[in-house]
N, C-alpha and C. Protein backbone atom coordinates (compact mmCIF):
# COMPACT_ATOMS: atom_id res chain seq x y z
N MET A 1 0.84 -1.18 0.00
CA MET A 1 0.00 0.00 0.00
C MET A 1 0.89 1.24 0.00
N ASP A 2 0.54 2.21 -0.80
CA ASP A 2 1.33 3.42 -0.95
C ASP A 2 0.83 4.50 0.02
N ASN A 3 1.63 4.84 1.03
CA ASN A 3 1.23 5.84 2.02
C ASN A 3 1.15 7.25 1.45
N LYS A 4 1.73 7.46 0.29
CA LYS A 4 1.68 8.80 -0.30
C LYS A 4 0.24 9.21 -0.62
N LEU A 5 -0.64 8.26 -0.78
CA LEU A 5 -2.02 8.58 -1.10
C LEU A 5 -2.86 8.85 0.15
N LYS A 6 -2.29 8.65 1.33
CA LYS A 6 -3.07 8.77 2.56
C LYS A 6 -2.50 9.82 3.51
N ARG A 7 -1.97 10.86 2.98
CA ARG A 7 -1.44 11.92 3.83
C ARG A 7 -2.57 12.78 4.36
N VAL A 8 -2.41 13.21 5.60
CA VAL A 8 -3.40 14.07 6.24
C VAL A 8 -2.78 15.44 6.45
N PHE A 9 -3.52 16.47 6.08
CA PHE A 9 -3.07 17.83 6.31
C PHE A 9 -4.11 18.52 7.18
N GLN A 10 -3.63 19.30 8.11
CA GLN A 10 -4.53 20.07 8.97
C GLN A 10 -4.04 21.49 8.98
N TYR A 11 -4.94 22.40 8.72
CA TYR A 11 -4.63 23.81 8.80
C TYR A 11 -5.41 24.39 9.97
N ALA A 12 -4.74 25.19 10.77
CA ALA A 12 -5.40 25.79 11.92
C ALA A 12 -5.09 27.29 11.94
N TYR A 13 -6.08 28.05 12.33
CA TYR A 13 -5.93 29.49 12.40
C TYR A 13 -6.47 29.97 13.74
N PHE A 14 -5.83 30.94 14.33
CA PHE A 14 -6.33 31.58 15.55
C PHE A 14 -7.13 32.80 15.13
N VAL A 15 -8.34 32.89 15.64
CA VAL A 15 -9.19 34.05 15.34
C VAL A 15 -9.72 34.62 16.65
N GLU A 16 -9.98 35.90 16.66
CA GLU A 16 -10.51 36.56 17.85
C GLU A 16 -11.99 36.24 18.07
N ASP A 17 -12.75 36.11 16.99
CA ASP A 17 -14.20 35.89 17.09
C ASP A 17 -14.55 34.65 16.27
N LEU A 18 -14.70 33.53 16.94
CA LEU A 18 -14.91 32.25 16.28
C LEU A 18 -16.21 32.22 15.48
N GLU A 19 -17.30 32.70 16.06
CA GLU A 19 -18.58 32.64 15.37
C GLU A 19 -18.57 33.46 14.07
N THR A 20 -18.01 34.65 14.14
CA THR A 20 -17.93 35.50 12.95
C THR A 20 -17.02 34.89 11.91
N ALA A 21 -15.88 34.36 12.34
CA ALA A 21 -14.95 33.74 11.40
C ALA A 21 -15.58 32.53 10.72
N ALA A 22 -16.28 31.69 11.47
CA ALA A 22 -16.93 30.52 10.89
C ALA A 22 -18.03 30.95 9.93
N PHE A 23 -18.82 31.93 10.30
CA PHE A 23 -19.88 32.43 9.43
C PHE A 23 -19.30 32.97 8.12
N ASN A 24 -18.25 33.79 8.23
CA ASN A 24 -17.64 34.38 7.03
C ASN A 24 -17.00 33.31 6.15
N TRP A 25 -16.33 32.35 6.76
CA TRP A 25 -15.69 31.29 5.98
C TRP A 25 -16.74 30.43 5.28
N ALA A 26 -17.83 30.11 5.98
CA ALA A 26 -18.91 29.31 5.38
C ALA A 26 -19.53 30.07 4.20
N LYS A 27 -19.71 31.36 4.37
CA LYS A 27 -20.29 32.17 3.30
C LYS A 27 -19.35 32.25 2.10
N LEU A 28 -18.07 32.44 2.37
CA LEU A 28 -17.08 32.57 1.30
C LEU A 28 -16.84 31.26 0.56
N SER A 29 -16.68 30.17 1.30
CA SER A 29 -16.26 28.90 0.70
C SER A 29 -17.40 27.90 0.53
N GLN A 30 -18.58 28.24 1.05
CA GLN A 30 -19.73 27.33 1.03
C GLN A 30 -19.40 26.03 1.75
N ALA A 31 -18.58 26.14 2.79
CA ALA A 31 -18.19 24.99 3.62
C ALA A 31 -19.09 24.95 4.85
N GLY A 32 -19.03 23.84 5.55
CA GLY A 32 -19.78 23.74 6.80
C GLY A 32 -20.76 22.59 6.73
N PRO A 33 -21.57 22.43 7.70
CA PRO A 33 -21.77 23.31 8.85
C PRO A 33 -20.63 23.20 9.86
N PHE A 34 -20.50 24.22 10.67
CA PHE A 34 -19.50 24.24 11.73
C PHE A 34 -20.19 24.10 13.07
N PHE A 35 -19.54 23.42 13.99
CA PHE A 35 -20.07 23.23 15.33
C PHE A 35 -19.02 23.69 16.33
N VAL A 36 -19.45 24.34 17.40
CA VAL A 36 -18.53 24.84 18.42
C VAL A 36 -18.88 24.17 19.74
N THR A 37 -17.86 23.64 20.39
CA THR A 37 -18.03 23.08 21.73
C THR A 37 -17.08 23.86 22.64
N ARG A 38 -17.63 24.69 23.46
CA ARG A 38 -16.80 25.51 24.34
C ARG A 38 -16.38 24.69 25.58
N HIS A 39 -15.17 24.89 25.99
CA HIS A 39 -14.64 24.25 27.20
C HIS A 39 -14.74 22.73 27.11
N HIS A 40 -14.40 22.20 25.96
CA HIS A 40 -14.44 20.74 25.75
C HIS A 40 -13.41 20.05 26.65
N LYS A 41 -13.82 19.01 27.31
CA LYS A 41 -12.91 18.24 28.16
C LYS A 41 -12.84 16.82 27.64
N THR A 42 -11.64 16.28 27.62
CA THR A 42 -11.44 14.89 27.23
C THR A 42 -11.08 14.07 28.44
N GLU A 43 -11.20 12.78 28.30
CA GLU A 43 -10.88 11.90 29.43
C GLU A 43 -9.39 11.70 29.55
């Protein structure tokens, strides 16, 4: 199996206003829906 076909890329950006940024990005790129979980805790 060729691992070159299964590469994962993640882009992350810091924004001051998450809701506005998600709304604008969804409008611009027609991406989404976006979900926000504030203060998410993992085990």
